[in-house]
């Protein structure tokens, strides 16, 4: 859909024994002709959304992976907990 960003990947971190995500990472492709990509994340999931802008797909996906790795280490270091990521890819409409 022109103008409206399209979600390309959505990741939720679930901690053991919990049905509610602890953290969220999302990649969106801008559809305004700029070729830009956006990475959004919430840590914890209820926190305000943080965002970063990227010039290309590779940069956005690399940032999302770095965020997931950082969030993993954060929960492990602070709480000695290892969670499981549920990562969903979406095709362009």
N, C-alpha and C. Protein backbone atom coordinates (compact mmCIF):
# COMPACT_ATOMS: atom_id res chain seq x y z
N UNK A 1 0.85 -1.17 0.00
CA UNK A 1 0.00 0.00 0.00
C UNK A 1 0.90 1.24 0.00
N UNK A 2 0.81 2.10 -0.99
CA UNK A 2 1.67 3.27 -1.08
C UNK A 2 1.54 4.19 0.14
N UNK A 3 2.70 4.64 0.61
CA UNK A 3 2.72 5.61 1.70
C UNK A 3 2.76 5.01 3.09
N UNK A 4 2.11 3.88 3.30
CA UNK A 4 2.04 3.29 4.64
C UNK A 4 3.14 2.22 4.79
N UNK A 5 3.96 2.29 5.86
CA UNK A 5 5.00 1.28 6.05
C UNK A 5 4.40 -0.13 6.14
N UNK A 6 5.12 -1.10 5.61
CA UNK A 6 4.69 -2.50 5.63
C UNK A 6 5.60 -3.29 6.57
N UNK A 7 5.01 -4.05 7.47
CA UNK A 7 5.78 -4.89 8.39
C UNK A 7 6.40 -6.03 7.58
N UNK A 8 7.70 -6.23 7.74
CA UNK A 8 8.41 -7.31 7.05
C UNK A 8 8.82 -8.43 8.00
N UNK A 9 9.06 -8.07 9.26
CA UNK A 9 9.42 -9.09 10.26
C UNK A 9 8.93 -8.62 11.61
N UNK A 10 8.40 -9.55 12.38
CA UNK A 10 7.94 -9.25 13.74
C UNK A 10 8.51 -10.31 14.65
N UNK A 11 9.16 -9.91 15.73
CA UNK A 11 9.80 -10.84 16.67
C UNK A 11 9.29 -10.57 18.08
N UNK A 12 8.92 -11.63 18.77
CA UNK A 12 8.48 -11.53 20.15
C UNK A 12 9.36 -12.44 21.00
N UNK A 13 9.84 -11.95 22.13
CA UNK A 13 10.61 -12.76 23.06
C UNK A 13 9.69 -13.25 24.16
N UNK A 14 9.60 -14.58 24.29
CA UNK A 14 8.81 -15.18 25.36
C UNK A 14 9.76 -15.80 26.38
N UNK A 15 9.52 -15.49 27.65
CA UNK A 15 10.31 -16.06 28.73
C UNK A 15 9.65 -17.35 29.20
N UNK A 16 10.42 -18.26 29.80
CA UNK A 16 9.84 -19.53 30.24
C UNK A 16 8.62 -19.34 31.13
N UNK A 17 7.54 -20.07 30.82
CA UNK A 17 6.33 -20.04 31.63
C UNK A 17 5.47 -18.81 31.46
N UNK A 18 5.75 -17.97 30.46
CA UNK A 18 4.98 -16.74 30.28
C UNK A 18 4.36 -16.70 28.89
N UNK A 19 3.08 -16.34 28.82
CA UNK A 19 2.37 -16.25 27.54
C UNK A 19 2.41 -14.84 26.94
N UNK A 20 2.91 -13.89 27.69
CA UNK A 20 2.97 -12.49 27.25
C UNK A 20 4.41 -12.18 26.86
N UNK A 21 4.62 -11.59 25.68
CA UNK A 21 5.99 -11.30 25.26
C UNK A 21 6.70 -10.35 26.22
N UNK A 22 7.98 -10.62 26.44
CA UNK A 22 8.80 -9.76 27.29
C UNK A 22 9.41 -8.61 26.49
N UNK A 23 9.62 -8.82 25.19
CA UNK A 23 10.21 -7.79 24.33
C UNK A 23 9.71 -8.00 22.90
N UNK A 24 9.77 -6.93 22.12
CA UNK A 24 9.29 -6.96 20.74
C UNK A 24 10.29 -6.23 19.84
N UNK A 25 10.56 -6.81 18.66
CA UNK A 25 11.38 -6.16 17.64
C UNK A 25 10.62 -6.28 16.32
N UNK A 26 10.49 -5.16 15.59
CA UNK A 26 9.73 -5.17 14.34
C UNK A 26 10.52 -4.43 13.26
N UNK A 27 10.48 -4.96 12.05
CA UNK A 27 11.09 -4.32 10.88
C UNK A 27 9.98 -3.90 9.94
N UNK A 28 10.02 -2.65 9.50
CA UNK A 28 9.05 -2.13 8.54
C UNK A 28 9.78 -1.55 7.34
N UNK A 29 9.19 -1.73 6.17
CA UNK A 29 9.70 -1.13 4.94
C UNK A 29 8.86 0.09 4.63
N UNK A 30 9.52 1.21 4.43
CA UNK A 30 8.78 2.43 4.06
C UNK A 30 8.30 2.30 2.63
N UNK A 31 7.09 2.71 2.38
CA UNK A 31 6.48 2.60 1.06
C UNK A 31 6.21 3.98 0.46
N UNK A 32 7.07 4.93 0.81
CA UNK A 32 6.89 6.31 0.34
C UNK A 32 7.87 6.68 -0.76
N UNK A 33 8.54 5.67 -1.33
CA UNK A 33 9.47 5.94 -2.42
C UNK A 33 10.88 6.27 -1.98
N UNK A 34 11.14 6.32 -0.68
CA UNK A 34 12.48 6.66 -0.18
C UNK A 34 13.41 5.45 -0.12
N UNK A 35 12.84 4.26 -0.12
CA UNK A 35 13.66 3.05 0.02
C UNK A 35 14.10 2.81 1.44
N UNK A 36 13.54 3.55 2.38
CA UNK A 36 13.95 3.44 3.77
C UNK A 36 13.31 2.28 4.51
N UNK A 37 13.96 1.87 5.57
CA UNK A 37 13.50 0.80 6.45
C UNK A 37 13.52 1.31 7.87
N UNK A 38 12.65 0.78 8.70
CA UNK A 38 12.53 1.20 10.10
C UNK A 38 12.62 -0.03 10.98
N UNK A 39 13.38 0.06 12.07
CA UNK A 39 13.42 -1.00 13.07
C UNK A 39 12.87 -0.39 14.36
N UNK A 40 11.85 -1.06 14.91
CA UNK A 40 11.22 -0.61 16.15
C UNK A 40 11.40 -1.69 17.20
N UNK A 41 11.59 -1.27 18.46
CA UNK A 41 11.69 -2.27 19.52
C UNK A 41 11.16 -1.71 20.84
N UNK A 42 10.69 -2.63 21.66
CA UNK A 42 10.19 -2.31 22.99
C UNK A 42 10.82 -3.30 23.97
N UNK A 43 11.55 -2.77 24.95
CA UNK A 43 12.16 -3.59 25.99
C UNK A 43 11.95 -2.88 27.32
N UNK A 44 11.12 -3.42 28.20
CA UNK A 44 10.23 -4.56 27.99
C UNK A 44 9.14 -4.21 26.98
N UNK A 45 8.33 -5.20 26.65
CA UNK A 45 7.31 -5.01 25.61
C UNK A 45 6.36 -3.86 25.92
N UNK A 46 6.15 -3.57 27.19
CA UNK A 46 5.24 -2.49 27.60
C UNK A 46 5.90 -1.11 27.57
N UNK A 47 7.20 -1.05 27.32
CA UNK A 47 7.93 0.22 27.30
C UNK A 47 7.62 0.99 26.03
N UNK A 48 7.89 2.30 26.03
CA UNK A 48 7.71 3.08 24.81
C UNK A 48 8.57 2.53 23.67
N UNK A 49 8.09 2.69 22.47
CA UNK A 49 8.78 2.18 21.28
C UNK A 49 10.00 3.03 20.96
N UNK A 50 11.12 2.36 20.72
CA UNK A 50 12.34 2.99 20.22
C UNK A 50 12.41 2.68 18.73
N UNK A 51 12.98 3.60 17.95
CA UNK A 51 13.06 3.36 16.51
C UNK A 51 14.39 3.82 15.95
N UNK A 52 14.77 3.17 14.86
CA UNK A 52 15.95 3.59 14.11
C UNK A 52 15.63 3.49 12.62
N UNK A 53 16.17 4.41 11.84
CA UNK A 53 15.95 4.48 10.40
C UNK A 53 17.16 3.88 9.68
N UNK A 54 16.90 3.17 8.57
CA UNK A 54 17.96 2.52 7.81
C UNK A 54 17.75 2.74 6.32
N UNK A 55 18.88 2.80 5.59
CA UNK A 55 18.82 3.05 4.14
C UNK A 55 18.50 1.80 3.33
N UNK A 56 18.72 0.62 3.92
CA UNK A 56 18.49 -0.59 3.15
C UNK A 56 18.03 -1.76 4.00
N UNK A 57 17.57 -2.78 3.32
CA UNK A 57 17.04 -3.98 3.97
C UNK A 57 18.11 -4.68 4.80
N UNK A 58 19.31 -4.85 4.24
CA UNK A 58 20.37 -5.56 4.96
C UNK A 58 20.70 -4.88 6.27
N UNK A 59 20.79 -3.57 6.25
CA UNK A 59 21.08 -2.80 7.46
C UNK A 59 19.99 -2.97 8.51
N UNK A 60 18.73 -2.96 8.08
CA UNK A 60 17.61 -3.09 9.00
C UNK A 60 17.59 -4.49 9.65
N UNK A 61 17.79 -5.52 8.83
CA UNK A 61 17.78 -6.88 9.37
C UNK A 61 18.97 -7.12 10.30
N UNK A 62 20.12 -6.54 9.97
CA UNK A 62 21.29 -6.66 10.84
C UNK A 62 21.04 -5.97 12.18
N UNK A 63 20.42 -4.80 12.14
CA UNK A 63 20.09 -4.08 13.38
C UNK A 63 19.12 -4.89 14.23
N UNK A 64 18.10 -5.49 13.61
CA UNK A 64 17.14 -6.30 14.35
C UNK A 64 17.83 -7.48 15.03
N UNK A 65 18.78 -8.12 14.33
CA UNK A 65 19.50 -9.24 14.93
C UNK A 65 20.36 -8.77 16.10
N UNK A 66 21.03 -7.63 15.93
CA UNK A 66 21.83 -7.09 17.05
C UNK A 66 20.94 -6.78 18.24
N UNK A 67 19.76 -6.24 17.99
CA UNK A 67 18.82 -5.95 19.08
C UNK A 67 18.39 -7.23 19.80
N UNK A 68 18.05 -8.27 19.03
CA UNK A 68 17.65 -9.53 19.66
C UNK A 68 18.80 -10.11 20.50
N UNK A 69 20.02 -10.04 19.97
CA UNK A 69 21.17 -10.53 20.73
C UNK A 69 21.37 -9.73 22.01
N UNK A 70 21.24 -8.40 21.91
CA UNK A 70 21.40 -7.53 23.07
C UNK A 70 20.31 -7.82 24.11
N UNK A 71 19.08 -7.97 23.66
CA UNK A 71 17.97 -8.25 24.57
C UNK A 71 18.18 -9.60 25.25
N UNK A 72 18.62 -10.61 24.49
CA UNK A 72 18.93 -11.91 25.08
C UNK A 72 19.95 -11.77 26.21
N UNK A 73 21.04 -11.06 25.93
CA UNK A 73 22.09 -10.91 26.95
C UNK A 73 21.60 -10.09 28.14
N UNK A 74 20.75 -9.11 27.89
CA UNK A 74 20.19 -8.29 28.96
C UNK A 74 19.39 -9.14 29.94
N UNK A 75 18.48 -9.96 29.42
CA UNK A 75 17.67 -10.82 30.30
C UNK A 75 18.53 -11.87 30.99
N UNK A 76 19.51 -12.39 30.27
CA UNK A 76 20.37 -13.40 30.88
C UNK A 76 21.24 -12.80 31.98
N UNK A 77 21.86 -11.66 31.69
CA UNK A 77 22.76 -11.02 32.66
C UNK A 77 22.01 -10.49 33.89
N UNK A 78 20.84 -9.90 33.68
CA UNK A 78 20.11 -9.29 34.79
C UNK A 78 19.24 -10.27 35.57
N UNK A 79 18.72 -11.29 34.88
CA UNK A 79 17.74 -12.16 35.53
C UNK A 79 18.09 -13.65 35.43
N UNK A 80 19.22 -13.96 34.75
CA UNK A 80 19.63 -15.35 34.53
C UNK A 80 18.51 -16.15 33.85
N UNK A 81 17.85 -15.52 32.88
CA UNK A 81 16.73 -16.12 32.15
C UNK A 81 17.09 -16.17 30.67
N UNK A 82 16.78 -17.29 30.04
CA UNK A 82 16.93 -17.42 28.59
C UNK A 82 15.54 -17.63 28.00
N UNK A 83 15.17 -16.75 27.09
CA UNK A 83 13.85 -16.85 26.46
C UNK A 83 13.93 -17.46 25.08
N UNK A 84 12.79 -17.47 24.41
CA UNK A 84 12.68 -18.01 23.06
C UNK A 84 12.05 -16.96 22.15
N UNK A 85 12.70 -16.67 21.03
CA UNK A 85 12.16 -15.71 20.07
C UNK A 85 11.19 -16.41 19.12
N UNK A 86 10.05 -15.78 18.87
CA UNK A 86 9.10 -16.19 17.85
C UNK A 86 9.22 -15.14 16.75
N UNK A 87 9.83 -15.52 15.62
CA UNK A 87 10.11 -14.57 14.54
C UNK A 87 9.23 -14.93 13.34
N UNK A 88 8.47 -13.95 12.88
CA UNK A 88 7.56 -14.14 11.74
C UNK A 88 7.95 -13.20 10.61
N UNK A 89 8.12 -13.76 9.43
CA UNK A 89 8.41 -12.98 8.22
C UNK A 89 7.10 -12.71 7.50
N UNK A 90 7.00 -11.55 6.88
CA UNK A 90 5.82 -11.20 6.09
C UNK A 90 6.24 -10.80 4.69
N UNK A 91 5.47 -11.26 3.74
CA UNK A 91 5.71 -10.92 2.34
C UNK A 91 5.06 -9.59 2.01
N UNK A 92 5.62 -8.85 1.05
CA UNK A 92 5.00 -7.58 0.64
C UNK A 92 3.60 -7.81 0.08
N UNK A 93 2.73 -6.84 0.31
CA UNK A 93 1.36 -6.91 -0.25
C UNK A 93 1.37 -6.35 -1.65
